[in-house]
Each structure stands twice: as structure tokens, then as C-alpha cells.
Amino acid sequence: MIQTTTAGDIACMIAEPIQGVGGFSVPPDGLFGAFKEVLDEHGVLFISDEVQTGWGRTGEHFWVSRHTA
């Protein structure tokens, strides 16, 4: 797919490990590892970022880094 549908100059691939619209969908074991192997061969960064179920859900403050004990 990289060779046939892109110009070959890819910055990164972003994938969400848990998708939660209409239920929870989790990829099968090993899928992201397989993605990473192919992306590494082409020098493409792989970003796994859980957005929906984690975004802004840190309680009192929007950014978790702003929490104090």
C-alpha cells in the first residue's frame, strides 16, 4: 500500500488502539506490531495514541500534567 498509494514520503501513521464510537473496538493481538515492522522498513514513524477514552478525562484540570498532589 505504501508503494502503490503514496508518493513514499510519509511522515507518520497514527492509530488509535481503542475505538469507542458505538462500543469498544480493539485491534487483534499483533496488528500494531505488524504495522510497526512494515513502517520501520520504510522509515515511517508509528504513533499509537488513545484519544477518545482518554482525552481530557483527567478530572479537575484539562491537562494531567497540571495535577498537583
N, C-alpha and C. Protein backbone atom coordinates (compact mmCIF):
# COMPACT_ATOMS: atom_id res chain seq x y z
N MET A 1 0.82 -1.18 0.00
CA MET A 1 0.00 0.00 0.00
C MET A 1 0.88 1.26 0.00
N ILE A 2 1.94 1.25 0.76
CA ILE A 2 2.84 2.40 0.81
C ILE A 2 3.42 2.66 -0.58
N GLN A 3 3.82 1.61 -1.27
CA GLN A 3 4.46 1.76 -2.57
C GLN A 3 3.47 2.12 -3.68
N THR A 4 2.21 1.73 -3.53
CA THR A 4 1.25 1.93 -4.63
C THR A 4 0.28 3.08 -4.42
N THR A 5 0.09 3.53 -3.19
CA THR A 5 -0.92 4.58 -2.96
C THR A 5 -0.36 5.85 -2.35
N THR A 6 0.96 5.92 -2.18
CA THR A 6 1.58 7.14 -1.65
C THR A 6 2.77 7.52 -2.53
N ALA A 7 3.27 8.72 -2.32
CA ALA A 7 4.48 9.15 -3.01
C ALA A 7 5.73 8.59 -2.30
N GLY A 8 5.52 7.88 -1.19
CA GLY A 8 6.63 7.28 -0.45
C GLY A 8 7.24 8.18 0.59
N ASP A 9 6.77 9.40 0.69
CA ASP A 9 7.29 10.36 1.66
C ASP A 9 6.24 10.56 2.75
N ILE A 10 6.20 9.62 3.70
CA ILE A 10 5.17 9.60 4.73
C ILE A 10 5.78 10.05 6.05
N ALA A 11 5.14 10.99 6.72
CA ALA A 11 5.65 11.48 8.00
C ALA A 11 5.40 10.47 9.11
N CYS A 12 4.16 9.97 9.19
CA CYS A 12 3.84 9.04 10.26
C CYS A 12 2.50 8.37 9.99
N MET A 13 2.23 7.33 10.77
CA MET A 13 0.92 6.70 10.81
C MET A 13 0.42 6.82 12.23
N ILE A 14 -0.78 7.35 12.40
CA ILE A 14 -1.38 7.47 13.72
C ILE A 14 -2.52 6.47 13.82
N ALA A 15 -2.48 5.65 14.85
CA ALA A 15 -3.53 4.65 15.06
C ALA A 15 -4.04 4.74 16.49
N GLU A 16 -5.32 4.58 16.64
CA GLU A 16 -5.95 4.63 17.96
C GLU A 16 -6.21 3.20 18.43
N PRO A 17 -5.59 2.78 19.54
CA PRO A 17 -5.70 1.38 19.96
C PRO A 17 -7.08 0.95 20.45
N ILE A 18 -7.85 1.88 21.00
CA ILE A 18 -9.20 1.55 21.45
C ILE A 18 -10.15 2.56 20.84
N GLN A 19 -11.03 2.08 19.97
CA GLN A 19 -12.01 2.97 19.37
C GLN A 19 -13.34 2.75 20.08
N GLY A 20 -14.00 3.84 20.45
CA GLY A 20 -15.15 3.71 21.32
C GLY A 20 -16.47 4.20 20.77
N VAL A 21 -16.56 4.57 19.51
CA VAL A 21 -17.85 5.01 18.96
C VAL A 21 -18.69 3.77 18.67
N GLY A 22 -19.85 3.69 19.28
CA GLY A 22 -20.73 2.54 19.05
C GLY A 22 -20.26 1.27 19.73
N GLY A 23 -19.55 1.40 20.83
CA GLY A 23 -19.00 0.24 21.53
C GLY A 23 -17.49 0.36 21.57
N PHE A 24 -16.83 -0.66 22.04
CA PHE A 24 -15.37 -0.63 22.10
C PHE A 24 -14.80 -1.63 21.12
N SER A 25 -13.90 -1.15 20.29
CA SER A 25 -13.25 -1.99 19.29
C SER A 25 -11.75 -1.96 19.53
N VAL A 26 -11.17 -3.13 19.72
CA VAL A 26 -9.74 -3.26 19.99
C VAL A 26 -9.14 -4.10 18.86
N PRO A 27 -7.99 -3.69 18.32
CA PRO A 27 -7.39 -4.47 17.23
C PRO A 27 -6.92 -5.83 17.72
N PRO A 28 -6.82 -6.78 16.82
CA PRO A 28 -6.34 -8.11 17.22
C PRO A 28 -4.88 -8.05 17.68
N ASP A 29 -4.51 -8.97 18.57
CA ASP A 29 -3.13 -9.05 19.05
C ASP A 29 -2.16 -9.13 17.87
N GLY A 30 -1.11 -8.35 17.96
CA GLY A 30 -0.06 -8.40 16.96
C GLY A 30 -0.24 -7.45 15.79
N LEU A 31 -1.42 -6.83 15.64
CA LEU A 31 -1.66 -5.96 14.48
C LEU A 31 -0.74 -4.75 14.49
N PHE A 32 -0.65 -4.07 15.62
CA PHE A 32 0.19 -2.88 15.67
C PHE A 32 1.67 -3.25 15.52
N GLY A 33 2.06 -4.40 16.03
CA GLY A 33 3.43 -4.89 15.84
C GLY A 33 3.73 -5.12 14.37
N ALA A 34 2.77 -5.67 13.65
CA ALA A 34 2.94 -5.90 12.21
C ALA A 34 3.01 -4.57 11.48
N PHE A 35 2.17 -3.61 11.86
CA PHE A 35 2.24 -2.27 11.27
C PHE A 35 3.64 -1.69 11.46
N LYS A 36 4.15 -1.79 12.70
CA LYS A 36 5.44 -1.21 13.06
C LYS A 36 6.57 -1.80 12.22
N GLU A 37 6.54 -3.10 12.00
CA GLU A 37 7.58 -3.74 11.20
C GLU A 37 7.63 -3.16 9.79
N VAL A 38 6.48 -3.04 9.16
CA VAL A 38 6.41 -2.51 7.80
C VAL A 38 6.81 -1.03 7.79
N LEU A 39 6.31 -0.27 8.75
CA LEU A 39 6.63 1.15 8.79
C LEU A 39 8.12 1.37 9.03
N ASP A 40 8.74 0.56 9.87
CA ASP A 40 10.18 0.67 10.12
C ASP A 40 10.98 0.43 8.84
N GLU A 41 10.53 -0.50 8.01
CA GLU A 41 11.21 -0.79 6.75
C GLU A 41 11.23 0.45 5.83
N HIS A 42 10.23 1.30 5.99
CA HIS A 42 10.10 2.48 5.13
C HIS A 42 10.47 3.77 5.85
N GLY A 43 10.94 3.67 7.10
CA GLY A 43 11.36 4.85 7.85
C GLY A 43 10.20 5.75 8.26
N VAL A 44 9.05 5.13 8.51
CA VAL A 44 7.84 5.89 8.88
C VAL A 44 7.61 5.75 10.38
N LEU A 45 7.39 6.88 11.05
CA LEU A 45 7.10 6.89 12.48
C LEU A 45 5.71 6.32 12.75
N PHE A 46 5.58 5.49 13.78
CA PHE A 46 4.28 4.94 14.19
C PHE A 46 3.87 5.58 15.50
N ILE A 47 2.68 6.18 15.53
CA ILE A 47 2.16 6.81 16.73
C ILE A 47 0.88 6.09 17.13
N SER A 48 0.87 5.56 18.33
CA SER A 48 -0.32 4.94 18.89
C SER A 48 -0.84 5.87 19.97
N ASP A 49 -1.99 6.48 19.73
CA ASP A 49 -2.50 7.50 20.64
C ASP A 49 -3.96 7.22 20.96
N GLU A 50 -4.23 6.94 22.21
CA GLU A 50 -5.60 6.70 22.65
C GLU A 50 -6.27 8.04 22.88
N VAL A 51 -7.15 8.42 22.01
CA VAL A 51 -7.73 9.76 22.03
C VAL A 51 -9.09 9.80 22.73
N GLN A 52 -10.03 9.06 22.25
CA GLN A 52 -11.41 9.23 22.70
C GLN A 52 -11.63 8.91 24.17
N THR A 53 -11.18 7.77 24.63
CA THR A 53 -11.47 7.41 26.01
C THR A 53 -10.53 8.05 27.01
N GLY A 54 -9.45 8.67 26.55
CA GLY A 54 -8.51 9.30 27.46
C GLY A 54 -8.45 10.81 27.36
N TRP A 55 -8.87 11.38 26.27
CA TRP A 55 -8.71 12.81 26.00
C TRP A 55 -9.50 13.65 27.00
N GLY A 56 -8.82 14.45 27.76
CA GLY A 56 -9.47 15.38 28.67
C GLY A 56 -10.15 14.74 29.86
N ARG A 57 -9.90 13.49 30.10
CA ARG A 57 -10.56 12.81 31.19
C ARG A 57 -9.63 12.69 32.40
N THR A 58 -9.05 13.80 32.77
CA THR A 58 -8.08 13.77 33.86
C THR A 58 -8.65 14.35 35.15
N GLY A 59 -9.92 14.61 35.15
CA GLY A 59 -10.53 15.12 36.38
C GLY A 59 -10.64 16.62 36.38
N GLU A 60 -10.09 17.23 37.42
CA GLU A 60 -10.26 18.65 37.68
C GLU A 60 -9.68 19.55 36.59
N HIS A 61 -8.50 19.21 36.09
CA HIS A 61 -7.82 20.03 35.09
C HIS A 61 -7.83 19.33 33.75
N PHE A 62 -7.76 20.11 32.69
CA PHE A 62 -7.76 19.53 31.34
C PHE A 62 -6.51 18.71 31.08
N TRP A 63 -5.34 19.22 31.43
CA TRP A 63 -4.08 18.50 31.19
C TRP A 63 -3.63 17.79 32.45
N VAL A 64 -3.33 16.51 32.35
CA VAL A 64 -2.92 15.74 33.51
C VAL A 64 -1.63 16.28 34.11
N SER A 65 -0.78 16.91 33.29
CA SER A 65 0.48 17.45 33.81
C SER A 65 0.26 18.60 34.79
N ARG A 66 -0.93 19.14 34.81
CA ARG A 66 -1.22 20.27 35.71
C ARG A 66 -1.75 19.81 37.08
N HIS A 67 -1.97 18.51 37.23
CA HIS A 67 -2.46 18.00 38.51
C HIS A 67 -1.39 18.13 39.59
N THR A 68 -1.80 18.46 40.77
CA THR A 68 -0.88 18.51 41.90
C THR A 68 -1.41 17.62 43.01
N ALA A 69 -0.49 17.13 43.79
CA ALA A 69 -0.87 16.21 44.89
C ALA A 69 -1.39 17.00 46.08
